[in-house]
Amino acid sequence: MGHDADAARDGVHGAYRSVGRRGAVDPVKALMHRHRELCERAVDPLEIAAGLEAQGVTDRAAARFRHRDVFSLAEEMYARAARQEESVSRAETPGPTRARAYWAALALVPGALGAAVVAGLRLTDGQPRLAVAAFGALAMTAGLYAALRRGPLSTGHRTTNAARAWTCWLVAYALAGDGLLSAGRDGGPDGPWTLATAPVLALSLACAPAAWCTHLFLARARRRLNASRGLREFAASVRPLLTGAFGLFLCALGGLLALCGTALNESPAYAGAGALGALLLPARLLTARGLTHAPARALAGAGAAEATALATVFAARLPGCSFLATPVDSLVAAAGAGAVPALACGTGALVLLVQAARTLTRASAHALPCEAA
């Protein structure tokens, strides 16, 4: 990866040097030669502009090629690029309306399965209830996998096993963590502790608005890319779209938490579950655009913080170690058990939002159309 980036930078700098040579009367041709593969596979000038930006060509650099910005340079490169008649056309791909209906329906599957599992848990007891829980967990995992295989949150970049494991831990903590923490502080658990099914059900139902809000953001960003005439102009126009899509998702999640809490007569856990949803959406959005490092770090950091909070509560029972639980006891006494996941996941969400504001406002993040487009 680093070698390819270095090679790309060398190509750009080589084109710069050709501009300064007396015999180089066509600097754009030299740049096209060094980026021949990009020019040949691009289906419109926007993909060339995004590719040049990703390889370090800025609006200021475009001036050295006698163009006012990267978009203008890309348009000339696209117009001059040799095209073969048998190039793959977009018309061969499935129709956007059918594809959109397909992933939109799949996005509803995790919520439907979650509702069925919760209903089964409410109607059973003893060993049948354990069987329903085990089967339900597998079914919801399969449903979530299917939902994320298509649509705006799908990705060709495989997430690491560690990222998957930490995501499962965060969801498991949302289900049982607060109850276990409270029981541990009270000297237990002496038996089964309270499970928070309402937040987990709301999070499963939130898969649909997450996909729809992401589709809205990507589609609007693509339109802005078509209308923009500079990289800075595009970034400035996309930031409000990103903020609006994220805020719309949080509103939808808040409504689902309230609905599920009322229907199940449980605490909706707005702080903890809301922070978890705010963490998972930008993590998946960044991963879907090929940016996997920051999401993996954020998920691991949030999960480790929750695990440490639980560990310190139980480790404080050892002789002379009561001080270990002081930070968690102070936090829970001040804001409740939900403050632990709220703080852990909220911090990670804030980090990822800053990262998203930096990377998802670049033209290169929207160069290739996805199934949601």
Protein backbone atom coordinates (compact mmCIF):
# COMPACT_ATOMS: atom_id res chain seq x y z
CA MET A 1 0.00 0.00 0.00
CA GLY A 2 2.77 2.41 0.99
CA HIS A 3 4.81 1.41 -2.07
CA ASP A 4 1.88 2.22 -4.38
CA ALA A 5 1.40 5.60 -2.71
CA ASP A 6 5.11 6.41 -3.09
CA ALA A 7 4.98 5.40 -6.73
CA ALA A 8 1.96 7.63 -7.29
CA ARG A 9 3.72 10.59 -5.68
CA ASP A 10 6.81 9.96 -7.81
CA GLY A 11 4.59 10.00 -10.89
CA VAL A 12 3.06 13.33 -9.93
CA HIS A 13 6.44 14.88 -9.20
CA GLY A 14 7.77 13.50 -12.48
CA ALA A 15 4.94 15.23 -14.31
CA TYR A 16 5.77 18.43 -12.43
CA ARG A 17 9.35 18.23 -13.65
CA SER A 18 8.17 17.74 -17.21
CA VAL A 19 6.27 21.02 -16.99
CA GLY A 20 9.50 22.85 -16.32
CA ARG A 21 11.41 21.35 -19.20
CA ARG A 22 11.77 23.51 -22.25
CA GLY A 23 10.74 20.71 -24.56
CA ALA A 24 7.67 19.77 -22.59
CA VAL A 25 4.93 21.71 -24.36
CA ASP A 26 2.15 19.31 -23.31
CA PRO A 27 2.34 18.70 -19.55
CA VAL A 28 -1.14 17.16 -19.44
CA LYS A 29 -0.04 14.44 -21.86
CA ALA A 30 2.86 13.59 -19.55
CA LEU A 31 0.51 13.36 -16.59
CA MET A 32 -1.89 11.16 -18.58
CA HIS A 33 0.94 8.80 -19.44
CA ARG A 34 1.82 8.36 -15.76
CA HIS A 35 -1.87 7.83 -14.85
CA ARG A 36 -2.86 5.83 -17.90
CA GLU A 37 -4.69 3.11 -15.96
CA LEU A 38 -6.74 5.72 -14.07
CA CYS A 39 -7.75 7.43 -17.31
CA GLU A 40 -8.63 4.18 -19.06
CA ARG A 41 -10.89 2.78 -16.34
CA ALA A 42 -12.63 6.05 -15.41
CA VAL A 43 -16.24 6.31 -16.53
CA ASP A 44 -16.44 10.08 -16.05
CA PRO A 45 -14.11 13.02 -15.27
CA LEU A 46 -15.12 12.93 -11.60
CA GLU A 47 -13.37 9.62 -11.06
CA ILE A 48 -10.19 11.02 -12.55
CA ALA A 49 -10.46 14.09 -10.31
CA ALA A 50 -10.97 11.92 -7.24
CA GLY A 51 -8.07 9.66 -8.22
CA LEU A 52 -5.74 12.62 -8.74
CA GLU A 53 -6.73 14.09 -5.39
CA ALA A 54 -6.09 10.76 -3.67
CA GLN A 55 -2.61 10.73 -5.19
CA GLY A 56 -1.71 14.20 -3.98
CA VAL A 57 -2.75 16.54 -6.82
CA THR A 58 -4.38 19.66 -5.37
CA ASP A 59 -5.96 22.72 -7.00
CA ARG A 60 -2.67 24.56 -6.53
CA ALA A 61 -0.81 21.72 -8.22
CA ALA A 62 -3.29 21.76 -11.10
CA ALA A 63 -2.19 25.32 -11.87
CA ARG A 64 1.21 23.92 -12.86
CA PHE A 65 -0.61 21.99 -15.56
CA ARG A 66 -2.25 25.22 -16.77
CA HIS A 67 -5.64 24.53 -15.18
CA ARG A 68 -7.53 26.45 -12.51
CA ASP A 69 -8.42 23.34 -10.45
CA VAL A 70 -8.28 19.54 -10.35
CA PHE A 71 -11.76 19.23 -11.86
CA SER A 72 -10.77 21.19 -14.95
CA LEU A 73 -7.58 19.15 -15.32
CA ALA A 74 -9.56 15.92 -15.00
CA GLU A 75 -12.03 17.01 -17.67
CA GLU A 76 -9.24 17.53 -20.17
CA MET A 77 -7.61 14.22 -19.27
CA TYR A 78 -10.93 12.42 -19.68
CA ALA A 79 -11.65 14.09 -23.02
CA ARG A 80 -8.22 13.20 -24.37
CA ALA A 81 -8.01 9.65 -23.02
CA ALA A 82 -8.11 6.89 -25.63
CA ARG A 83 -11.20 4.74 -25.16
CA GLN A 84 -11.84 1.22 -26.41
CA GLU A 85 -15.28 0.40 -27.77
CA GLU A 86 -15.60 -2.73 -25.65
CA SER A 87 -15.16 -0.89 -22.34
CA VAL A 88 -17.59 -2.06 -19.68
CA SER A 89 -20.58 0.27 -19.47
CA ARG A 90 -22.68 1.08 -16.46
CA ALA A 91 -25.73 -0.15 -18.35
CA GLU A 92 -24.60 -3.73 -17.65
CA THR A 93 -25.01 -3.32 -13.91
CA PRO A 94 -28.38 -4.04 -12.22
CA GLY A 95 -30.91 -1.25 -12.35
CA PRO A 96 -30.53 1.20 -9.47
CA THR A 97 -34.22 1.07 -8.54
CA ARG A 98 -34.27 -2.71 -8.19
CA ALA A 99 -30.97 -2.76 -6.29
CA ARG A 100 -32.19 -0.04 -3.94
CA ALA A 101 -35.41 -1.90 -3.17
CA TYR A 102 -33.39 -5.06 -2.51
CA TRP A 103 -31.02 -3.60 0.08
CA ALA A 104 -33.79 -1.50 1.62
CA ALA A 105 -35.75 -4.69 2.27
CA LEU A 106 -32.67 -6.47 3.63
CA ALA A 107 -32.08 -3.59 6.05
CA LEU A 108 -35.38 -4.47 7.73
CA VAL A 109 -34.37 -8.08 8.40
CA PRO A 110 -32.29 -7.54 11.60
CA GLY A 111 -35.10 -5.55 13.21
CA ALA A 112 -37.73 -8.13 12.28
CA LEU A 113 -35.62 -10.95 13.67
CA GLY A 114 -34.89 -8.94 16.82
CA ALA A 115 -38.58 -8.38 17.43
CA ALA A 116 -39.27 -12.10 16.96
CA VAL A 117 -36.51 -13.06 19.39
CA VAL A 118 -37.69 -10.63 22.06
CA ALA A 119 -41.24 -11.94 21.70
CA GLY A 120 -39.95 -15.49 22.07
CA LEU A 121 -38.01 -14.59 25.21
CA ARG A 122 -41.11 -13.00 26.72
CA LEU A 123 -43.26 -16.06 26.01
CA THR A 124 -40.88 -18.77 27.22
CA ASP A 125 -39.10 -19.73 30.41
CA GLY A 126 -36.42 -22.15 31.60
CA GLN A 127 -34.57 -24.26 29.03
CA PRO A 128 -36.84 -23.27 26.12
CA ARG A 129 -35.93 -19.67 26.80
CA LEU A 130 -32.23 -20.50 26.62
CA ALA A 131 -32.82 -22.27 23.32
CA VAL A 132 -34.72 -19.25 21.97
CA ALA A 133 -31.90 -16.94 23.06
CA ALA A 134 -29.20 -19.08 21.45
CA PHE A 135 -31.10 -19.58 18.20
CA GLY A 136 -32.13 -15.92 18.16
CA ALA A 137 -28.55 -14.73 18.54
CA LEU A 138 -27.48 -16.84 15.56
CA ALA A 139 -30.45 -15.72 13.48
CA MET A 140 -29.85 -12.03 14.22
CA THR A 141 -26.16 -12.40 13.36
CA ALA A 142 -27.08 -14.01 10.04
CA GLY A 143 -29.67 -11.30 9.36
CA LEU A 144 -27.22 -8.53 10.10
CA TYR A 145 -24.62 -10.16 7.86
CA ALA A 146 -27.14 -10.34 5.02
CA ALA A 147 -28.20 -6.72 5.53
CA LEU A 148 -24.62 -5.47 5.39
CA ARG A 149 -23.77 -7.45 2.26
CA ARG A 150 -25.78 -5.04 0.09
CA GLY A 151 -26.50 -1.36 0.03
CA PRO A 152 -24.64 1.77 1.14
CA LEU A 153 -23.11 0.08 4.20
CA SER A 154 -21.73 -2.89 2.26
CA THR A 155 -18.00 -3.14 1.88
CA GLY A 156 -15.46 -5.02 -0.15
CA HIS A 157 -12.91 -4.32 2.57
CA ARG A 158 -13.04 -7.14 5.07
CA THR A 159 -13.19 -6.12 8.68
CA THR A 160 -10.68 -7.76 10.97
CA ASN A 161 -11.64 -10.51 13.39
CA ALA A 162 -10.73 -8.17 16.23
CA ALA A 163 -13.15 -5.51 14.99
CA ARG A 164 -15.94 -8.07 14.73
CA ALA A 165 -15.18 -9.40 18.20
CA TRP A 166 -15.23 -5.93 19.78
CA THR A 167 -18.50 -5.10 18.01
CA CYS A 168 -20.08 -8.27 19.40
CA TRP A 169 -18.77 -7.36 22.85
CA LEU A 170 -20.25 -3.86 22.66
CA VAL A 171 -23.66 -5.24 21.71
CA ALA A 172 -23.43 -7.90 24.43
CA TYR A 173 -22.60 -5.19 26.96
CA ALA A 174 -25.63 -3.21 25.83
CA LEU A 175 -27.71 -6.31 26.58
CA ALA A 176 -26.19 -7.43 29.89
CA GLY A 177 -23.41 -5.05 30.92
CA ASP A 178 -25.36 -2.48 32.93
CA GLY A 179 -27.18 -5.17 34.88
CA LEU A 180 -23.96 -7.05 35.62
CA LEU A 181 -22.20 -3.86 36.69
CA SER A 182 -25.01 -2.91 39.07
CA ALA A 183 -25.13 -6.45 40.49
CA GLY A 184 -21.37 -6.44 40.97
CA ARG A 185 -21.43 -3.18 42.89
CA ASP A 186 -24.12 -4.63 45.17
CA GLY A 187 -22.04 -7.72 46.00
CA GLY A 188 -23.57 -10.08 43.41
CA PRO A 189 -24.53 -11.43 41.11
CA ASP A 190 -26.26 -14.08 43.17
CA GLY A 191 -28.30 -15.26 40.20
CA PRO A 192 -29.43 -14.10 36.76
CA TRP A 193 -29.17 -10.35 36.45
CA THR A 194 -31.41 -7.99 34.51
CA LEU A 195 -31.04 -8.01 30.72
CA ALA A 196 -31.75 -4.85 28.73
CA THR A 197 -33.65 -6.14 25.71
CA ALA A 198 -35.18 -2.78 24.73
CA PRO A 199 -31.87 -1.09 23.74
CA VAL A 200 -30.69 -4.11 21.73
CA LEU A 201 -34.04 -4.36 19.94
CA ALA A 202 -33.89 -0.64 19.11
CA LEU A 203 -30.35 -1.03 17.77
CA SER A 204 -31.41 -3.93 15.54
CA LEU A 205 -34.36 -1.90 14.24
CA ALA A 206 -31.98 1.03 13.65
CA CYS A 207 -30.17 -0.91 10.91
CA ALA A 208 -32.81 0.31 8.45
CA PRO A 209 -32.53 4.07 9.20
CA ALA A 210 -28.73 3.69 9.30
CA ALA A 211 -28.73 2.33 5.74
CA TRP A 212 -31.25 4.90 4.52
CA CYS A 213 -29.41 7.86 6.10
CA THR A 214 -26.14 6.63 4.64
CA HIS A 215 -27.73 6.30 1.21
CA LEU A 216 -29.07 9.84 1.51
CA PHE A 217 -25.64 11.18 2.42
CA LEU A 218 -23.79 9.34 -0.37
CA ALA A 219 -26.35 10.23 -3.04
CA ARG A 220 -26.37 13.92 -2.10
CA ALA A 221 -22.57 13.97 -1.90
CA ARG A 222 -22.35 12.49 -5.38
CA ARG A 223 -24.62 15.25 -6.70
CA ARG A 224 -22.48 17.88 -5.04
CA LEU A 225 -19.45 16.28 -6.66
CA ASN A 226 -21.12 16.69 -10.04
CA ALA A 227 -21.81 20.39 -9.36
CA SER A 228 -18.57 21.38 -7.61
CA ARG A 229 -15.73 23.11 -9.38
CA GLY A 230 -13.05 22.71 -6.71
CA LEU A 231 -11.97 20.41 -3.92
CA ARG A 232 -12.47 23.00 -1.19
CA GLU A 233 -15.90 23.87 -2.50
CA PHE A 234 -16.89 20.22 -2.51
CA ALA A 235 -15.60 19.62 1.04
CA ALA A 236 -17.45 22.67 2.36
CA SER A 237 -20.71 21.53 0.77
CA VAL A 238 -20.47 17.94 2.02
CA ARG A 239 -19.79 18.63 5.71
CA PRO A 240 -23.38 19.80 6.40
CA LEU A 241 -24.67 16.71 4.57
CA LEU A 242 -22.61 14.43 6.82
CA THR A 243 -23.76 16.24 9.95
CA GLY A 244 -27.39 16.17 8.83
CA ALA A 245 -27.36 12.45 7.99
CA PHE A 246 -25.75 11.61 11.32
CA GLY A 247 -28.22 13.80 13.23
CA LEU A 248 -31.15 12.24 11.35
CA PHE A 249 -29.96 8.77 12.33
CA LEU A 250 -29.62 9.77 15.98
CA CYS A 251 -33.18 11.14 15.95
CA ALA A 252 -34.45 7.89 14.46
CA LEU A 253 -32.51 5.86 17.03
CA GLY A 254 -33.86 7.99 19.85
CA GLY A 255 -37.41 7.42 18.64
CA LEU A 256 -36.83 3.66 18.40
CA LEU A 257 -35.36 3.58 21.91
CA ALA A 258 -38.40 5.38 23.28
CA LEU A 259 -40.77 3.08 21.37
CA CYS A 260 -39.03 -0.12 22.47
CA GLY A 261 -38.70 1.06 26.07
CA THR A 262 -42.41 1.80 26.22
CA ALA A 263 -43.45 -1.42 24.50
CA LEU A 264 -41.27 -3.63 26.70
CA ASN A 265 -41.71 -1.56 29.86
CA GLU A 266 -37.94 -1.19 30.25
CA SER A 267 -35.48 1.65 30.52
CA PRO A 268 -34.65 2.85 27.00
CA ALA A 269 -31.01 3.51 28.02
CA TYR A 270 -30.79 6.60 25.86
CA ALA A 271 -27.22 7.45 26.89
CA GLY A 272 -25.57 4.05 26.53
CA ALA A 273 -27.47 2.72 23.52
CA GLY A 274 -27.46 6.12 21.82
CA ALA A 275 -23.68 6.40 22.20
CA LEU A 276 -23.25 2.86 20.86
CA GLY A 277 -25.35 3.67 17.81
CA ALA A 278 -23.39 6.89 17.32
CA LEU A 279 -20.20 4.81 17.35
CA LEU A 280 -21.33 1.98 15.09
CA LEU A 281 -22.67 4.12 12.24
CA PRO A 282 -19.52 6.15 11.45
CA ALA A 283 -17.41 3.04 12.07
CA ARG A 284 -19.31 1.14 9.40
CA LEU A 285 -19.50 4.13 7.07
CA LEU A 286 -15.73 4.63 7.19
CA THR A 287 -15.11 0.91 6.74
CA ALA A 288 -17.44 0.81 3.75
CA ARG A 289 -15.35 3.51 2.07
CA GLY A 290 -12.13 1.55 2.66
CA LEU A 291 -10.97 3.32 5.84
CA THR A 292 -10.63 0.45 8.32
CA HIS A 293 -7.86 1.49 10.71
CA ALA A 294 -9.61 4.22 12.71
CA PRO A 295 -12.89 2.28 13.17
CA ALA A 296 -11.03 -0.78 14.44
CA ARG A 297 -9.13 1.34 16.96
CA ALA A 298 -12.28 3.13 18.15
CA LEU A 299 -14.25 -0.10 18.59
CA ALA A 300 -11.39 -1.70 20.47
CA GLY A 301 -10.97 1.34 22.71
CA ALA A 302 -14.66 1.49 23.62
CA GLY A 303 -14.87 -2.25 24.25
CA ALA A 304 -11.72 -2.27 26.36
CA ALA A 305 -13.02 0.61 28.46
CA GLU A 306 -16.26 -1.25 29.22
CA ALA A 307 -14.39 -4.47 30.01
CA THR A 308 -12.02 -2.59 32.30
CA ALA A 309 -14.92 -1.01 34.17
CA LEU A 310 -16.44 -4.43 34.85
CA ALA A 311 -13.09 -5.93 35.79
CA THR A 312 -12.27 -3.22 38.33
CA VAL A 313 -15.63 -3.68 40.08
CA PHE A 314 -14.98 -7.38 40.68
CA ALA A 315 -11.23 -6.98 41.28
CA ALA A 316 -12.04 -4.51 44.08
CA ARG A 317 -13.30 -7.45 46.15
CA LEU A 318 -9.76 -8.70 46.58
CA PRO A 319 -8.10 -7.77 49.89
CA GLY A 320 -6.59 -4.29 49.75
CA CYS A 321 -7.90 -3.56 46.23
CA SER A 322 -11.08 -1.68 47.02
CA PHE A 323 -9.58 1.48 45.53
CA LEU A 324 -9.79 -0.06 42.04
CA ALA A 325 -13.55 0.45 41.88
CA THR A 326 -13.44 4.08 43.01
CA PRO A 327 -13.56 5.67 39.50
CA VAL A 328 -16.43 3.45 38.35
CA ASP A 329 -18.32 3.84 41.64
CA SER A 330 -18.04 7.63 41.42
CA LEU A 331 -19.22 7.68 37.80
CA VAL A 332 -22.15 5.31 38.41
CA ALA A 333 -23.17 7.13 41.60
CA ALA A 334 -23.24 10.43 39.71
CA ALA A 335 -24.90 9.36 36.44
CA GLY A 336 -26.02 5.73 36.70
CA ALA A 337 -24.68 2.51 35.21
CA GLY A 338 -25.41 3.75 31.68
CA ALA A 339 -22.72 6.39 32.07
CA VAL A 340 -19.99 3.75 31.49
CA PRO A 341 -21.03 2.78 27.92
CA ALA A 342 -22.06 6.37 27.23
CA LEU A 343 -18.58 7.64 28.07
CA ALA A 344 -16.72 4.77 26.36
CA CYS A 345 -18.76 4.71 23.16
CA GLY A 346 -19.32 8.46 23.07
CA THR A 347 -15.58 9.13 23.08
CA GLY A 348 -15.04 6.67 20.25
CA ALA A 349 -17.93 8.16 18.29
CA LEU A 350 -16.49 11.64 18.61
CA VAL A 351 -13.11 10.46 17.33
CA LEU A 352 -14.70 8.76 14.33
CA LEU A 353 -16.86 11.77 13.52
CA VAL A 354 -13.76 13.94 13.38
CA GLN A 355 -12.13 11.34 11.13
CA ALA A 356 -15.24 11.18 8.93
CA ALA A 357 -15.32 14.97 8.62
CA ARG A 358 -11.74 14.85 7.35
CA THR A 359 -11.97 11.88 4.98
CA LEU A 360 -15.56 11.59 3.77
CA THR A 361 -15.54 15.18 2.56
CA ARG A 362 -12.85 14.35 0.02
CA ALA A 363 -13.78 13.69 -3.59
CA SER A 364 -11.79 10.44 -3.56
CA ALA A 365 -14.20 9.00 -0.96
CA HIS A 366 -17.05 9.30 -3.47
CA ALA A 367 -15.26 8.36 -6.66
CA LEU A 368 -16.82 4.97 -7.20
CA PRO A 369 -20.57 4.43 -7.25
CA CYS A 370 -21.93 1.96 -4.72
CA GLU A 371 -25.03 -0.14 -4.82
CA ALA A 372 -26.92 2.52 -3.00
CA ALA A 373 -26.38 5.15 -5.59
